[in-house]
Amino acid sequence: MAQAHTAHDGSHGSYSAYLIGFVLAVILTVASFAAVMTHALSPGMALAALTVLAVVQIVVHLVFFLHLNTSSEQSWNLMCFIFAAASVIVIIGGTIFIMHDTAINMMSR
């Protein structure tokens, strides 16, 4: 019979780290809903607040749940993530640029 793998190799977080990540994620989610539902901010400020909260929540998920850090063991994972994020930014940015440029040229006629 095969034995179950029970060794803890240190690459996974502890229960307290998962709990901290979960609590931070819940707080950031509630803050996002509060920024929109209370109408305390102008639409532009609400969009800026949502953007900042979303970026912080992405970082929380990457650090606490995906265990992405700057250690030497994680260097390839970090480089792959940065490349993927840059690719997505270029694709989305290019698409928005093309759509905006097309709209400007079509509306001028």
PDB file of N, CA and C in Angstrom:
ATOM      1  N   MET A   1       0.835  -1.182   0.000  1.00  0.00           N
ATOM      2  CA  MET A   1       0.000   0.000   0.000  1.00  0.00           C
ATOM      3  C   MET A   1       0.882   1.248   0.000  1.00  0.00           C
ATOM      4  N   ALA A   2       0.442   2.223  -0.726  1.00  0.00           N
ATOM      5  CA  ALA A   2       1.176   3.488  -0.786  1.00  0.00           C
ATOM      6  C   ALA A   2       0.862   4.315   0.449  1.00  0.00           C
ATOM      7  N   GLN A   3       1.892   4.963   0.951  1.00  0.00           N
ATOM      8  CA  GLN A   3       1.702   5.807   2.124  1.00  0.00           C
ATOM      9  C   GLN A   3       1.239   7.191   1.684  1.00  0.00           C
ATOM     10  N   ALA A   4       0.435   7.794   2.507  1.00  0.00           N
ATOM     11  CA  ALA A   4      -0.023   9.153   2.227  1.00  0.00           C
ATOM     12  C   ALA A   4       1.123  10.128   2.476  1.00  0.00           C
ATOM     13  N   HIS A   5       1.219  11.113   1.639  1.00  0.00           N
ATOM     14  CA  HIS A   5       2.275  12.108   1.774  1.00  0.00           C
ATOM     15  C   HIS A   5       1.876  13.098   2.863  1.00  0.00           C
ATOM     16  N   THR A   6       2.602  13.085   3.959  1.00  0.00           N
ATOM     17  CA  THR A   6       2.256  13.954   5.078  1.00  0.00           C
ATOM     18  C   THR A   6       3.367  14.929   5.420  1.00  0.00           C
ATOM     19  N   ALA A   7       4.447  14.926   4.672  1.00  0.00           N
ATOM     20  CA  ALA A   7       5.554  15.825   5.002  1.00  0.00           C
ATOM     21  C   ALA A   7       5.171  17.263   4.688  1.00  0.00           C
ATOM     22  N   HIS A   8       5.634  18.154   5.534  1.00  0.00           N
ATOM     23  CA  HIS A   8       5.382  19.572   5.339  1.00  0.00           C
ATOM     24  C   HIS A   8       6.679  20.179   4.841  1.00  0.00           C
ATOM     25  N   ASP A   9       6.709  20.574   3.567  1.00  0.00           N
ATOM     26  CA  ASP A   9       7.954  21.040   2.969  1.00  0.00           C
ATOM     27  C   ASP A   9       8.191  22.536   3.105  1.00  0.00           C
ATOM     28  N   GLY A  10       7.316  23.264   3.749  1.00  0.00           N
ATOM     29  CA  GLY A  10       7.525  24.681   3.991  1.00  0.00           C
ATOM     30  C   GLY A  10       7.055  25.577   2.857  1.00  0.00           C
ATOM     31  N   SER A  11       6.701  25.011   1.717  1.00  0.00           N
ATOM     32  CA  SER A  11       6.256  25.852   0.611  1.00  0.00           C
ATOM     33  C   SER A  11       4.807  26.268   0.772  1.00  0.00           C
ATOM     34  N   HIS A  12       4.081  25.569   1.594  1.00  0.00           N
ATOM     35  CA  HIS A  12       2.691  25.917   1.834  1.00  0.00           C
ATOM     36  C   HIS A  12       2.599  26.704   3.132  1.00  0.00           C
ATOM     37  N   GLY A  13       1.596  27.541   3.211  1.00  0.00           N
ATOM     38  CA  GLY A  13       1.441  28.387   4.377  1.00  0.00           C
ATOM     39  C   GLY A  13       0.844  27.646   5.551  1.00  0.00           C
ATOM     40  N   SER A  14       0.935  28.283   6.684  1.00  0.00           N
ATOM     41  CA  SER A  14       0.351  27.717   7.889  1.00  0.00           C
ATOM     42  C   SER A  14      -1.124  28.107   7.947  1.00  0.00           C
ATOM     43  N   TYR A  15      -1.826  27.526   8.894  1.00  0.00           N
ATOM     44  CA  TYR A  15      -3.242  27.870   9.055  1.00  0.00           C
ATOM     45  C   TYR A  15      -3.410  29.331   9.409  1.00  0.00           C
ATOM     46  N   SER A  16      -2.505  29.865  10.209  1.00  0.00           N
ATOM     47  CA  SER A  16      -2.625  31.279  10.577  1.00  0.00           C
ATOM     48  C   SER A  16      -2.413  32.180   9.362  1.00  0.00           C
ATOM     49  N   ALA A  17      -1.511  31.801   8.451  1.00  0.00           N
ATOM     50  CA  ALA A  17      -1.301  32.601   7.242  1.00  0.00           C
ATOM     51  C   ALA A  17      -2.538  32.554   6.354  1.00  0.00           C
ATOM     52  N   TYR A  18      -3.153  31.369   6.224  1.00  0.00           N
ATOM     53  CA  TYR A  18      -4.390  31.263   5.451  1.00  0.00           C
ATOM     54  C   TYR A  18      -5.498  32.087   6.091  1.00  0.00           C
ATOM     55  N   LEU A  19      -5.580  32.059   7.407  1.00  0.00           N
ATOM     56  CA  LEU A  19      -6.604  32.824   8.110  1.00  0.00           C
ATOM     57  C   LEU A  19      -6.396  34.324   7.921  1.00  0.00           C
ATOM     58  N   ILE A  20      -5.146  34.769   8.013  1.00  0.00           N
ATOM     59  CA  ILE A  20      -4.845  36.187   7.794  1.00  0.00           C
ATOM     60  C   ILE A  20      -5.217  36.588   6.368  1.00  0.00           C
ATOM     61  N   GLY A  21      -4.859  35.752   5.394  1.00  0.00           N
ATOM     62  CA  GLY A  21      -5.201  36.037   4.005  1.00  0.00           C
ATOM     63  C   GLY A  21      -6.701  36.088   3.790  1.00  0.00           C
ATOM     64  N   PHE A  22      -7.415  35.152   4.401  1.00  0.00           N
ATOM     65  CA  PHE A  22      -8.870  35.132   4.270  1.00  0.00           C
ATOM     66  C   PHE A  22      -9.498  36.379   4.877  1.00  0.00           C
ATOM     67  N   VAL A  23      -9.049  36.762   6.061  1.00  0.00           N
ATOM     68  CA  VAL A  23      -9.599  37.946   6.731  1.00  0.00           C
ATOM     69  C   VAL A  23      -9.306  39.197   5.903  1.00  0.00           C
ATOM     70  N   LEU A  24      -8.081  39.322   5.377  1.00  0.00           N
ATOM     71  CA  LEU A  24      -7.754  40.468   4.532  1.00  0.00           C
ATOM     72  C   LEU A  24      -8.610  40.496   3.265  1.00  0.00           C
ATOM     73  N   ALA A  25      -8.823  39.330   2.656  1.00  0.00           N
ATOM     74  CA  ALA A  25      -9.647  39.268   1.452  1.00  0.00           C
ATOM     75  C   ALA A  25     -11.088  39.681   1.749  1.00  0.00           C
ATOM     76  N   VAL A  26     -11.620  39.245   2.875  1.00  0.00           N
ATOM     77  CA  VAL A  26     -12.988  39.623   3.255  1.00  0.00           C
ATOM     78  C   VAL A  26     -13.072  41.120   3.526  1.00  0.00           C
ATOM     79  N   ILE A  27     -12.085  41.662   4.224  1.00  0.00           N
ATOM     80  CA  ILE A  27     -12.085  43.101   4.518  1.00  0.00           C
ATOM     81  C   ILE A  27     -12.026  43.908   3.227  1.00  0.00           C
ATOM     82  N   LEU A  28     -11.173  43.497   2.292  1.00  0.00           N
ATOM     83  CA  LEU A  28     -11.063  44.216   1.028  1.00  0.00           C
ATOM     84  C   LEU A  28     -12.346  44.110   0.200  1.00  0.00           C
ATOM     85  N   THR A  29     -12.992  42.962   0.243  1.00  0.00           N
ATOM     86  CA  THR A  29     -14.254  42.788  -0.478  1.00  0.00           C
ATOM     87  C   THR A  29     -15.352  43.663   0.125  1.00  0.00           C
ATOM     88  N   VAL A  30     -15.448  43.681   1.437  1.00  0.00           N
ATOM     89  CA  VAL A  30     -16.447  44.521   2.115  1.00  0.00           C
ATOM     90  C   VAL A  30     -16.166  45.998   1.847  1.00  0.00           C
ATOM     91  N   ALA A  31     -14.893  46.372   1.840  1.00  0.00           N
ATOM     92  CA  ALA A  31     -14.548  47.770   1.557  1.00  0.00           C
ATOM     93  C   ALA A  31     -14.940  48.147   0.131  1.00  0.00           C
ATOM     94  N   SER A  32     -14.779  47.228  -0.799  1.00  0.00           N
ATOM     95  CA  SER A  32     -15.181  47.493  -2.190  1.00  0.00           C
ATOM     96  C   SER A  32     -16.687  47.697  -2.297  1.00  0.00           C
ATOM     97  N   PHE A  33     -17.446  46.797  -1.663  1.00  0.00           N
ATOM     98  CA  PHE A  33     -18.901  46.953  -1.674  1.00  0.00           C
ATOM     99  C   PHE A  33     -19.318  48.238  -0.971  1.00  0.00           C
ATOM    100  N   ALA A  34     -18.673  48.582   0.128  1.00  0.00           N
ATOM    101  CA  ALA A  34     -19.025  49.793   0.856  1.00  0.00           C
ATOM    102  C   ALA A  34     -18.732  51.036   0.036  1.00  0.00           C
ATOM    103  N   ALA A  35     -17.633  51.018  -0.722  1.00  0.00           N
ATOM    104  CA  ALA A  35     -17.282  52.182  -1.540  1.00  0.00           C
ATOM    105  C   ALA A  35     -18.347  52.452  -2.598  1.00  0.00           C
ATOM    106  N   VAL A  36     -18.977  51.400  -3.091  1.00  0.00           N
ATOM    107  CA  VAL A  36     -19.987  51.572  -4.140  1.00  0.00           C
ATOM    108  C   VAL A  36     -21.381  51.777  -3.546  1.00  0.00           C
ATOM    109  N   MET A  37     -21.747  50.984  -2.581  1.00  0.00           N
ATOM    110  CA  MET A  37     -23.127  50.985  -2.084  1.00  0.00           C
ATOM    111  C   MET A  37     -23.475  52.199  -1.225  1.00  0.00           C
ATOM    112  N   THR A  38     -22.505  52.809  -0.563  1.00  0.00           N
ATOM    113  CA  THR A  38     -22.820  53.947   0.298  1.00  0.00           C
ATOM    114  C   THR A  38     -22.926  55.252  -0.479  1.00  0.00           C
ATOM    115  N   HIS A  39     -22.439  55.286  -1.726  1.00  0.00           N
ATOM    116  CA  HIS A  39     -22.451  56.493  -2.550  1.00  0.00           C
ATOM    117  C   HIS A  39     -21.755  57.660  -1.856  1.00  0.00           C
ATOM    118  N   ALA A  40     -20.784  57.351  -0.998  1.00  0.00           N
ATOM    119  CA  ALA A  40     -20.048  58.391  -0.289  1.00  0.00           C
ATOM    120  C   ALA A  40     -18.990  59.028  -1.179  1.00  0.00           C
ATOM    121  N   LEU A  41     -18.594  58.331  -2.244  1.00  0.00           N
ATOM    122  CA  LEU A  41     -17.567  58.832  -3.139  1.00  0.00           C
ATOM    123  C   LEU A  41     -18.183  59.201  -4.484  1.00  0.00           C
ATOM    124  N   SER A  42     -17.530  60.142  -5.160  1.00  0.00           N
ATOM    125  CA  SER A  42     -17.964  60.461  -6.527  1.00  0.00           C
ATOM    126  C   SER A  42     -17.658  59.255  -7.420  1.00  0.00           C
ATOM    127  N   PRO A  43     -18.297  59.164  -8.574  1.00  0.00           N
ATOM    128  CA  PRO A  43     -18.047  58.000  -9.440  1.00  0.00           C
ATOM    129  C   PRO A  43     -16.577  57.823  -9.813  1.00  0.00           C
ATOM    130  N   GLY A  44     -15.872  58.906 -10.057  1.00  0.00           N
ATOM    131  CA  GLY A  44     -14.447  58.810 -10.382  1.00  0.00           C
ATOM    132  C   GLY A  44     -13.621  58.315  -9.215  1.00  0.00           C
ATOM    133  N   MET A  45     -13.926  58.829  -8.035  1.00  0.00           N
ATOM    134  CA  MET A  45     -13.203  58.389  -6.838  1.00  0.00           C
ATOM    135  C   MET A  45     -13.546  56.952  -6.482  1.00  0.00           C
ATOM    136  N   ALA A  46     -14.807  56.566  -6.705  1.00  0.00           N
ATOM    137  CA  ALA A  46     -15.196  55.177  -6.442  1.00  0.00           C
ATOM    138  C   ALA A  46     -14.449  54.230  -7.374  1.00  0.00           C
ATOM    139  N   LEU A  47     -14.301  54.618  -8.637  1.00  0.00           N
ATOM    140  CA  LEU A  47     -13.552  53.799  -9.584  1.00  0.00           C
ATOM    141  C   LEU A  47     -12.085  53.689  -9.167  1.00  0.00           C
ATOM    142  N   ALA A  48     -11.507  54.794  -8.727  1.00  0.00           N
ATOM    143  CA  ALA A  48     -10.119  54.768  -8.260  1.00  0.00           C
ATOM    144  C   ALA A  48      -9.982  53.894  -7.013  1.00  0.00           C
ATOM    145  N   ALA A  49     -10.917  54.009  -6.087  1.00  0.00           N
ATOM    146  CA  ALA A  49     -10.873  53.197  -4.876  1.00  0.00           C
ATOM    147  C   ALA A  49     -11.018  51.714  -5.205  1.00  0.00           C
ATOM    148  N   LEU A  50     -11.931  51.378  -6.123  1.00  0.00           N
ATOM    149  CA  LEU A  50     -12.100  49.982  -6.525  1.00  0.00           C
ATOM    150  C   LEU A  50     -10.843  49.438  -7.191  1.00  0.00           C
ATOM    151  N   THR A  51     -10.193  50.258  -7.997  1.00  0.00           N
ATOM    152  CA  THR A  51      -8.964  49.833  -8.662  1.00  0.00           C
ATOM    153  C   THR A  51      -7.872  49.538  -7.641  1.00  0.00           C
ATOM    154  N   VAL A  52      -7.696  50.425  -6.689  1.00  0.00           N
ATOM    155  CA  VAL A  52      -6.669  50.221  -5.657  1.00  0.00           C
ATOM    156  C   VAL A  52      -6.998  48.993  -4.811  1.00  0.00           C
ATOM    157  N   LEU A  53      -8.247  48.853  -4.399  1.00  0.00           N
ATOM    158  CA  LEU A  53      -8.645  47.701  -3.592  1.00  0.00           C
ATOM    159  C   LEU A  53      -8.482  46.394  -4.364  1.00  0.00           C
ATOM    160  N   ALA A  54      -8.757  46.417  -5.665  1.00  0.00           N
ATOM    161  CA  ALA A  54      -8.600  45.211  -6.482  1.00  0.00           C
ATOM    162  C   ALA A  54      -7.138  44.809  -6.597  1.00  0.00           C
ATOM    163  N   VAL A  55      -6.258  45.778  -6.803  1.00  0.00           N
ATOM    164  CA  VAL A  55      -4.829  45.472  -6.900  1.00  0.00           C
ATOM    165  C   VAL A  55      -4.304  44.930  -5.572  1.00  0.00           C
ATOM    166  N   VAL A  56      -4.733  45.530  -4.478  1.00  0.00           N
ATOM    167  CA  VAL A  56      -4.301  45.034  -3.162  1.00  0.00           C
ATOM    168  C   VAL A  56      -4.827  43.624  -2.941  1.00  0.00           C
ATOM    169  N   GLN A  57      -6.052  43.348  -3.355  1.00  0.00           N
ATOM    170  CA  GLN A  57      -6.599  42.014  -3.169  1.00  0.00           C
ATOM    171  C   GLN A  57      -5.862  40.990  -4.041  1.00  0.00           C
ATOM    172  N   ILE A  58      -5.462  41.371  -5.232  1.00  0.00           N
ATOM    173  CA  ILE A  58      -4.661  40.472  -6.064  1.00  0.00           C
ATOM    174  C   ILE A  58      -3.357  40.121  -5.359  1.00  0.00           C
ATOM    175  N   VAL A  59      -2.704  41.121  -4.778  1.00  0.00           N
ATOM    176  CA  VAL A  59      -1.451  40.880  -4.056  1.00  0.00           C
ATOM    177  C   VAL A  59      -1.685  39.963  -2.855  1.00  0.00           C
ATOM    178  N   VAL A  60      -2.778  40.190  -2.120  1.00  0.00           N
ATOM    179  CA  VAL A  60      -3.099  39.332  -0.972  1.00  0.00           C
ATOM    180  C   VAL A  60      -3.276  37.883  -1.422  1.00  0.00           C
ATOM    181  N   HIS A  61      -3.996  37.663  -2.495  1.00  0.00           N
ATOM    182  CA  HIS A  61      -4.209  36.300  -2.987  1.00  0.00           C
ATOM    183  C   HIS A  61      -2.900  35.668  -3.445  1.00  0.00           C
ATOM    184  N   LEU A  62      -2.066  36.441  -4.139  1.00  0.00           N
ATOM    185  CA  LEU A  62      -0.802  35.898  -4.611  1.00  0.00           C
ATOM    186  C   LEU A  62       0.124  35.519  -3.461  1.00  0.00           C
ATOM    187  N   VAL A  63       0.164  36.333  -2.437  1.00  0.00           N
ATOM    188  CA  VAL A  63       1.084  36.086  -1.334  1.00  0.00           C
ATOM    189  C   VAL A  63       0.555  35.023  -0.374  1.00  0.00           C
ATOM    190  N   PHE A  64      -0.693  35.146   0.060  1.00  0.00           N
ATOM    191  CA  PHE A  64      -1.199  34.273   1.109  1.00  0.00           C
ATOM    192  C   PHE A  64      -1.734  32.936   0.596  1.00  0.00           C
ATOM    193  N   PHE A  65      -2.277  32.903  -0.616  1.00  0.00           N
ATOM    194  CA  PHE A  65      -2.883  31.668  -1.099  1.00  0.00           C
ATOM    195  C   PHE A  65      -2.046  30.962  -2.164  1.00  0.00           C
ATOM    196  N   LEU A  66      -1.392  31.722  -3.034  1.00  0.00           N
ATOM    197  CA  LEU A  66      -0.552  31.101  -4.059  1.00  0.00           C
ATOM    198  C   LEU A  66       0.914  31.045  -3.651  1.00  0.00           C
ATOM    199  N   HIS A  67       1.251  31.637  -2.511  1.00  0.00           N
ATOM    200  CA  HIS A  67       2.593  31.582  -1.922  1.00  0.00           C
ATOM    201  C   HIS A  67       3.653  32.102  -2.879  1.00  0.00           C
ATOM    202  N   LEU A  68       3.333  33.133  -3.633  1.00  0.00           N
ATOM    203  CA  LEU A  68       4.275  33.731  -4.556  1.00  0.00           C
ATOM    204  C   LEU A  68       5.082  34.775  -3.802  1.00  0.00           C
ATOM    205  N   ASN A  69       6.391  34.608  -3.794  1.00  0.00           N
ATOM    206  CA  ASN A  69       7.254  35.557  -3.104  1.00  0.00           C
ATOM    207  C   ASN A  69       8.532  35.740  -3.901  1.00  0.00           C
ATOM    208  N   THR A  70       9.491  36.458  -3.356  1.00  0.00           N
ATOM    209  CA  THR A  70      10.715  36.771  -4.080  1.00  0.00           C
ATOM    210  C   THR A  70      11.868  35.848  -3.715  1.00  0.00           C
ATOM    211  N   SER A  71      11.591  34.706  -3.108  1.00  0.00           N
ATOM    212  CA  SER A  71      12.670  33.784  -2.753  1.00  0.00           C
ATOM    213  C   SER A  71      13.257  33.150  -4.009  1.00  0.00           C
ATOM    214  N   SER A  72      14.436  32.601  -3.882  1.00  0.00           N
ATOM    215  CA  SER A  72      15.108  32.022  -5.047  1.00  0.00           C
ATOM    216  C   SER A  72      14.357  30.815  -5.592  1.00  0.00           C
ATOM    217  N   GLU A  73      13.631  30.094  -4.743  1.00  0.00           N
ATOM    218  CA  GLU A  73      12.856  28.948  -5.211  1.00  0.00           C
ATOM    219  C   GLU A  73      11.668  29.372  -6.068  1.00  0.00           C
ATOM    220  N   GLN A  74      11.202  30.569  -5.855  1.00  0.00           N
ATOM    221  CA  GLN A  74      10.015  31.068  -6.561  1.00  0.00           C
ATOM    222  C   GLN A  74      10.363  31.959  -7.748  1.00  0.00           C
ATOM    223  N   SER A  75      11.646  32.075  -8.112  1.00  0.00           N
ATOM    224  CA  SER A  75      12.033  33.046  -9.134  1.00  0.00           C
ATOM    225  C   SER A  75      11.382  32.746 -10.489  1.00  0.00           C
ATOM    226  N   TRP A  76      11.319  31.470 -10.897  1.00  0.00           N
ATOM    227  CA  TRP A  76      10.692  31.137 -12.178  1.00  0.00           C
ATOM    228  C   TRP A  76       9.188  31.380 -12.134  1.00  0.00           C
ATOM    229  N   ASN A  77       8.561  31.038 -11.025  1.00  0.00           N
ATOM    230  CA  ASN A  77       7.119  31.295 -10.904  1.00  0.00           C
ATOM    231  C   ASN A  77       6.831  32.796 -10.975  1.00  0.00           C
ATOM    232  N   LEU A  78       7.670  33.580 -10.303  1.00  0.00           N
ATOM    233  CA  LEU A  78       7.484  35.028 -10.300  1.00  0.00           C
ATOM    234  C   LEU A  78       7.712  35.602 -11.698  1.00  0.00           C
ATOM    235  N   MET A  79       8.733  35.128 -12.396  1.00  0.00           N
ATOM    236  CA  MET A  79       8.993  35.615 -13.752  1.00  0.00           C
ATOM    237  C   MET A  79       7.858  35.231 -14.700  1.00  0.00           C
ATOM    238  N   CYS A  80       7.334  34.022 -14.565  1.00  0.00           N
ATOM    239  CA  CYS A  80       6.201  33.607 -15.407  1.00  0.00           C
ATOM    240  C   CYS A  80       4.975  34.456 -15.125  1.00  0.00           C
ATOM    241  N   PHE A  81       4.725  34.752 -13.856  1.00  0.00           N
ATOM    242  CA  PHE A  81       3.582  35.584 -13.512  1.00  0.00           C
ATOM    243  C   PHE A  81       3.745  36.992 -14.070  1.00  0.00           C
ATOM    244  N   ILE A  82       4.939  37.565 -13.945  1.00  0.00           N
ATOM    245  CA  ILE A  82       5.174  38.916 -14.462  1.00  0.00           C
ATOM    246  C   ILE A  82       5.005  38.939 -15.976  1.00  0.00           C
ATOM    247  N   PHE A  83       5.514  37.925 -16.666  1.00  0.00           N
ATOM    248  CA  PHE A  83       5.351  37.859 -18.125  1.00  0.00           C
ATOM    249  C   PHE A  83       3.879  37.741 -18.505  1.00  0.00           C
ATOM    250  N   ALA A  84       3.134  36.891 -17.800  1.00  0.00           N
ATOM    251  CA  ALA A  84       1.713  36.726 -18.097  1.00  0.00           C
ATOM    252  C   ALA A  84       0.955  38.028 -17.841  1.00  0.00           C
ATOM    253  N   ALA A  85       1.253  38.696 -16.727  1.00  0.00           N
ATOM    254  CA  ALA A  85       0.580  39.961 -16.415  1.00  0.00           C
ATOM    255  C   ALA A  85       0.918  41.027 -17.455  1.00  0.00           C
ATOM    256  N   ALA A  86       2.182  41.104 -17.871  1.00  0.00           N
ATOM    257  CA  ALA A  86       2.573  42.073 -18.893  1.00  0.00           C
ATOM    258  C   ALA A  86       1.883  41.767 -20.223  1.00  0.00           C
ATOM    259  N   SER A  87       1.776  40.491 -20.563  1.00  0.00           N
ATOM    260  CA  SER A  87       1.096  40.112 -21.807  1.00  0.00           C
ATOM    261  C   SER A  87      -0.366  40.527 -21.774  1.00  0.00           C
ATOM    262  N   VAL A  88      -1.026  40.285 -20.666  1.00  0.00           N
ATOM    263  CA  VAL A  88      -2.434  40.666 -20.540  1.00  0.00           C
ATOM    264  C   VAL A  88      -2.592  42.176 -20.620  1.00  0.00           C
ATOM    265  N   ILE A  89      -1.703  42.915 -19.986  1.00  0.00           N
ATOM    266  CA  ILE A  89      -1.774  44.373 -20.030  1.00  0.00           C
ATOM    267  C   ILE A  89      -1.579  44.881 -21.456  1.00  0.00           C
ATOM    268  N   VAL A  90      -0.606  44.308 -22.190  1.00  0.00           N
ATOM    269  CA  VAL A  90      -0.371  44.726 -23.575  1.00  0.00           C
ATOM    270  C   VAL A  90      -1.575  44.397 -24.452  1.00  0.00           C
ATOM    271  N   ILE A  91      -2.141  43.204 -24.290  1.00  0.00           N
ATOM    272  CA  ILE A  91      -3.293  42.812 -25.116  1.00  0.00           C
ATOM    273  C   ILE A  91      -4.501  43.697 -24.822  1.00  0.00           C
ATOM    274  N   ILE A  92      -4.807  43.893 -23.547  1.00  0.00           N
ATOM    275  CA  ILE A  92      -5.963  44.728 -23.193  1.00  0.00           C
ATOM    276  C   ILE A  92      -5.720  46.183 -23.583  1.00  0.00           C
ATOM    277  N   GLY A  93      -4.522  46.698 -23.293  1.00  0.00           N
ATOM    278  CA  GLY A  93      -4.201  48.075 -23.664  1.00  0.00           C
ATOM    279  C   GLY A  93      -4.249  48.288 -25.164  1.00  0.00           C
ATOM    280  N   GLY A  94      -3.715  47.330 -25.938  1.00  0.00           N
ATOM    281  CA  GLY A  94      -3.768  47.434 -27.390  1.00  0.00           C
ATOM    282  C   GLY A  94      -5.184  47.390 -27.918  1.00  0.00           C
ATOM    283  N   THR A  95      -5.994  46.537 -27.333  1.00  0.00           N
ATOM    284  CA  THR A  95      -7.389  46.439 -27.759  1.00  0.00           C
ATOM    285  C   THR A  95      -8.139  47.739 -27.483  1.00  0.00           C
ATOM    286  N   ILE A  96      -7.932  48.298 -26.307  1.00  0.00           N
ATOM    287  CA  ILE A  96      -8.592  49.568 -25.975  1.00  0.00           C
ATOM    288  C   ILE A  96      -8.103  50.678 -26.897  1.00  0.00           C
ATOM    289  N   PHE A  97      -6.795  50.706 -27.176  1.00  0.00           N
ATOM    290  CA  PHE A  97      -6.249  51.718 -28.080  1.00  0.00           C
ATOM    291  C   PHE A  97      -6.862  51.597 -29.475  1.00  0.00           C
ATOM    292  N   ILE A  98      -6.929  50.381 -29.993  1.00  0.00           N
ATOM    293  CA  ILE A  98      -7.489  50.171 -31.331  1.00  0.00           C
ATOM    294  C   ILE A  98      -8.963  50.545 -31.366  1.00  0.00           C
ATOM    295  N   MET A  99      -9.719  50.156 -30.350  1.00  0.00           N
ATOM    296  CA  MET A  99     -11.142  50.488 -30.322  1.00  0.00           C
ATOM    297  C   MET A  99     -11.352  51.999 -30.230  1.00  0.00           C
ATOM    298  N   HIS A 100     -10.556  52.665 -29.417  1.00  0.00           N
ATOM    299  CA  HIS A 100     -10.675  54.119 -29.275  1.00  0.00           C
ATOM    300  C   HIS A 100     -10.294  54.810 -30.579  1.00  0.00           C
ATOM    301  N   ASP A 101      -9.194  54.390 -31.187  1.00  0.00           N
ATOM    302  CA  ASP A 101      -8.756  54.987 -32.439  1.00  0.00           C
ATOM    303  C   ASP A 101      -9.789  54.784 -33.549  1.00  0.00           C
ATOM    304  N   THR A 102     -10.370  53.589 -33.597  1.00  0.00           N
ATOM    305  CA  THR A 102     -11.411  53.318 -34.594  1.00  0.00           C
ATOM    306  C   THR A 102     -12.639  54.178 -34.353  1.00  0.00           C
ATOM    307  N   ALA A 103     -13.038  54.334 -33.108  1.00  0.00           N
ATOM    308  CA  ALA A 103     -14.204  55.173 -32.784  1.00  0.00           C
ATOM    309  C   ALA A 103     -13.945  56.620 -33.151  1.00  0.00           C
ATOM    310  N   ILE A 104     -12.750  57.111 -32.888  1.00  0.00           N
ATOM    311  CA  ILE A 104     -12.425  58.498 -33.237  1.00  0.00           C
ATOM    312  C   ILE A 104     -12.470  58.697 -34.747  1.00  0.00           C
ATOM    313  N   ASN A 105     -11.893  57.766 -35.494  1.00  0.00           N
ATOM    314  CA  ASN A 105     -11.871  57.896 -36.953  1.00  0.00           C
ATOM    315  C   ASN A 105     -13.258  57.714 -37.576  1.00  0.00           C
ATOM    316  N   MET A 106     -14.092  56.886 -36.995  1.00  0.00           N
ATOM    317  CA  MET A 106     -15.435  56.680 -37.543  1.00  0.00           C
ATOM    318  C   MET A 106     -16.353  57.856 -37.227  1.00  0.00           C
ATOM    319  N   MET A 107     -16.178  58.480 -36.089  1.00  0.00           N
ATOM    320  CA  MET A 107     -17.049  59.588 -35.700  1.00  0.00           C
ATOM    321  C   MET A 107     -16.704  60.880 -36.437  1.00  0.00           C
ATOM    322  N   SER A 108     -15.506  60.961 -37.001  1.00  0.00           N
ATOM    323  CA  SER A 108     -15.096  62.207 -37.650  1.00  0.00           C
ATOM    324  C   SER A 108     -15.682  62.331 -39.044  1.00  0.00           C
ATOM    325  N   ARG A 109     -16.294  61.288 -39.573  1.00  0.00           N
ATOM    326  CA  ARG A 109     -16.830  61.334 -40.944  1.00  0.00           C
ATOM    327  C   ARG A 109     -18.237  61.809 -40.949  1.00  0.00           C
TER     328      ARG A 109
END
